[in-house]
Amino acid sequence: MSYHIPVHLPDDVFHGLTRHTGEGWYGLKTEAALSELIRNWIRHTAAAPWMLDGEPDQPDQPDPTPSLPQDASKGYQWKQLFLPNGTELRATFGGKSRYARVQDEAILCDGEPTTPSRLANARGCGTRNAWHNVWLKFPGDATWQLARKCRP
């Protein structure tokens, strides 16, 4: 049976993690990110010598620190929602879709910088709320999600 154990973190680390996941609090995304970082660190770090029978598996090496893939820490901050590089955006009006992608910390549509609001209002009346009209597909995901459903 799995259960939660409180873990004490420095406040700047905790707030940095929750901001990075886009939640702003310790929710499911933050829990998953922290758990994956710890599991990855355990997989790639030699166990403490007193936990092993005999000699350590690996020669002494500096302790690696957990890290995210290089591009995962960069992206576009849309109010409370962080869109990592590689996130795709889609807005549809009159049966025609426009697509954009987060690249180099900017949202690009047809090679030009844009915003979620501009993407949502590129066609139509110009008063569309991007949270209700832009769909997102995060890197590694197969499905599109309405932006407001991703908003913390």
Protein backbone atom coordinates (compact mmCIF):
# COMPACT_ATOMS: atom_id res chain seq x y z
CA MET A 1 0.00 0.00 0.00
CA SER A 2 1.32 3.41 -0.94
CA TYR A 3 0.88 6.42 1.32
CA HIS A 4 2.18 9.98 1.44
CA ILE A 5 5.07 11.11 3.62
CA PRO A 6 5.72 14.81 4.25
CA VAL A 7 9.00 16.01 2.78
CA HIS A 8 10.59 19.26 3.88
CA LEU A 9 11.99 21.42 1.09
CA PRO A 10 13.45 24.92 1.11
CA ASP A 11 10.66 27.34 0.21
CA ASP A 12 12.43 28.62 -2.92
CA VAL A 13 12.78 25.04 -4.23
CA PHE A 14 9.12 24.24 -3.47
CA HIS A 15 7.78 27.43 -5.07
CA GLY A 16 10.10 27.03 -8.07
CA LEU A 17 8.81 23.49 -8.61
CA THR A 18 5.13 24.42 -8.34
CA ARG A 19 5.62 27.40 -10.67
CA HIS A 20 7.50 25.22 -13.14
CA THR A 21 4.69 22.67 -13.29
CA GLY A 22 2.19 25.49 -13.78
CA GLU A 23 0.05 24.50 -10.82
CA GLY A 24 1.07 27.11 -8.28
CA TRP A 25 0.46 24.62 -5.44
CA TYR A 26 1.33 21.01 -4.64
CA GLY A 27 -1.07 19.21 -6.93
CA LEU A 28 -0.97 16.09 -9.08
CA LYS A 29 1.45 17.53 -11.69
CA THR A 30 3.88 18.71 -9.01
CA GLU A 31 3.69 15.39 -7.16
CA ALA A 32 4.36 13.48 -10.41
CA ALA A 33 7.30 15.73 -11.34
CA LEU A 34 8.91 15.48 -7.90
CA SER A 35 8.38 11.70 -7.74
CA GLU A 36 9.90 11.23 -11.21
CA LEU A 37 12.92 13.38 -10.34
CA ILE A 38 13.55 11.37 -7.17
CA ARG A 39 13.06 8.01 -8.92
CA ASN A 40 15.44 9.12 -11.70
CA TRP A 41 18.03 10.21 -9.13
CA ILE A 42 17.78 6.84 -7.33
CA ARG A 43 18.17 4.94 -10.62
CA HIS A 44 21.28 6.88 -11.63
CA THR A 45 23.07 7.30 -8.29
CA ALA A 46 25.05 4.68 -6.40
CA ALA A 47 23.49 3.64 -3.12
CA ALA A 48 25.15 4.68 0.12
CA PRO A 49 28.12 2.35 0.82
CA TRP A 50 26.60 1.02 4.06
CA MET A 51 23.54 -0.13 2.07
CA LEU A 52 25.60 -2.40 -0.19
CA ASP A 53 27.15 -5.79 0.45
CA GLY A 54 30.87 -5.38 -0.11
CA GLU A 55 32.22 -2.64 -2.35
CA PRO A 56 30.08 0.06 -3.93
CA ASP A 57 28.87 -0.72 -7.46
CA GLN A 58 30.54 2.34 -8.94
CA PRO A 59 33.73 4.25 -8.22
CA ASP A 60 33.36 7.46 -6.25
CA GLN A 61 31.76 10.11 -8.42
CA PRO A 62 30.29 13.47 -7.67
CA ASP A 63 26.65 13.12 -6.73
CA PRO A 64 24.54 13.94 -9.77
CA THR A 65 21.71 16.33 -9.15
CA PRO A 66 18.33 15.62 -10.68
CA SER A 67 17.67 17.64 -13.77
CA LEU A 68 14.95 18.05 -16.34
CA PRO A 69 15.58 17.65 -20.04
CA GLN A 70 17.25 20.79 -21.36
CA ASP A 71 14.17 22.17 -23.15
CA ALA A 72 11.66 21.16 -20.45
CA SER A 73 12.67 24.06 -18.23
CA LYS A 74 12.13 26.62 -21.00
CA GLY A 75 8.91 27.72 -22.57
CA TYR A 76 6.18 30.36 -22.51
CA GLN A 77 4.47 31.54 -19.31
CA TRP A 78 0.78 32.16 -20.04
CA LYS A 79 -0.54 33.76 -16.85
CA GLN A 80 -0.56 30.85 -14.33
CA LEU A 81 0.00 28.16 -16.98
CA PHE A 82 3.51 27.23 -18.13
CA LEU A 83 3.74 25.95 -21.72
CA PRO A 84 7.05 24.11 -22.22
CA ASN A 85 8.89 24.34 -25.54
CA GLY A 86 7.25 21.93 -27.99
CA THR A 87 3.69 22.61 -26.80
CA GLU A 88 1.26 22.91 -29.73
CA LEU A 89 -1.66 25.36 -29.75
CA ARG A 90 -4.76 25.21 -31.96
CA ALA A 91 -7.64 27.63 -32.44
CA THR A 92 -10.55 26.93 -34.78
CA PHE A 93 -13.03 29.39 -36.24
CA GLY A 94 -15.51 28.74 -39.04
CA GLY A 95 -14.19 25.21 -39.50
CA LYS A 96 -10.62 26.40 -40.15
CA SER A 97 -7.84 25.80 -37.65
CA ARG A 98 -4.73 27.84 -37.00
CA TYR A 99 -1.79 26.19 -35.32
CA ALA A 100 1.11 27.53 -33.31
CA ARG A 101 3.98 26.01 -31.37
CA VAL A 102 6.04 27.09 -28.35
CA GLN A 103 9.61 27.38 -29.56
CA ASP A 104 12.56 29.20 -28.00
CA GLU A 105 10.30 30.57 -25.22
CA ALA A 106 7.85 32.17 -27.68
CA ILE A 107 4.64 31.11 -29.39
CA LEU A 108 5.16 31.02 -33.15
CA CYS A 109 2.41 30.83 -35.76
CA ASP A 110 3.65 30.60 -39.36
CA GLY A 111 7.07 31.66 -38.09
CA GLU A 112 5.77 34.86 -36.46
CA PRO A 113 5.51 35.50 -32.70
CA THR A 114 1.97 35.56 -31.34
CA THR A 115 0.02 35.19 -28.10
CA PRO A 116 -2.80 32.82 -27.16
CA SER A 117 -5.25 35.73 -27.44
CA ARG A 118 -4.05 36.71 -30.92
CA LEU A 119 -4.24 33.08 -32.02
CA ALA A 120 -7.82 32.77 -30.72
CA ASN A 121 -8.83 36.03 -32.42
CA ALA A 122 -6.90 35.67 -35.69
CA ARG A 123 -10.20 34.97 -37.42
CA GLY A 124 -13.61 36.10 -36.33
CA CYS A 125 -14.87 38.96 -34.23
CA GLY A 126 -11.80 39.61 -32.05
CA THR A 127 -13.55 39.12 -28.71
CA ARG A 128 -12.86 35.42 -28.15
CA ASN A 129 -11.44 34.33 -24.79
CA ALA A 130 -8.29 32.30 -25.47
CA TRP A 131 -8.85 30.13 -22.39
CA HIS A 132 -12.13 28.94 -23.95
CA ASN A 133 -10.99 28.76 -27.59
CA VAL A 134 -7.40 27.52 -27.63
CA TRP A 135 -6.58 23.84 -27.43
CA LEU A 136 -3.19 22.62 -26.19
CA LYS A 137 -1.13 19.52 -26.85
CA PHE A 138 1.81 19.25 -24.48
CA PRO A 139 5.07 17.53 -25.49
CA GLY A 140 4.67 13.78 -25.17
CA ASP A 141 0.86 13.94 -25.03
CA ALA A 142 -1.27 12.41 -27.77
CA THR A 143 -4.46 14.34 -27.08
CA TRP A 144 -5.53 17.97 -27.27
CA GLN A 145 -6.89 19.65 -24.12
CA LEU A 146 -8.91 22.83 -23.86
CA ALA A 147 -6.70 25.51 -22.30
CA ARG A 148 -9.16 26.31 -19.50
CA LYS A 149 -9.03 22.66 -18.39
CA CYS A 150 -5.23 22.98 -17.96
CA ARG A 151 -5.43 26.24 -16.04
CA PRO A 152 -4.60 25.91 -12.34
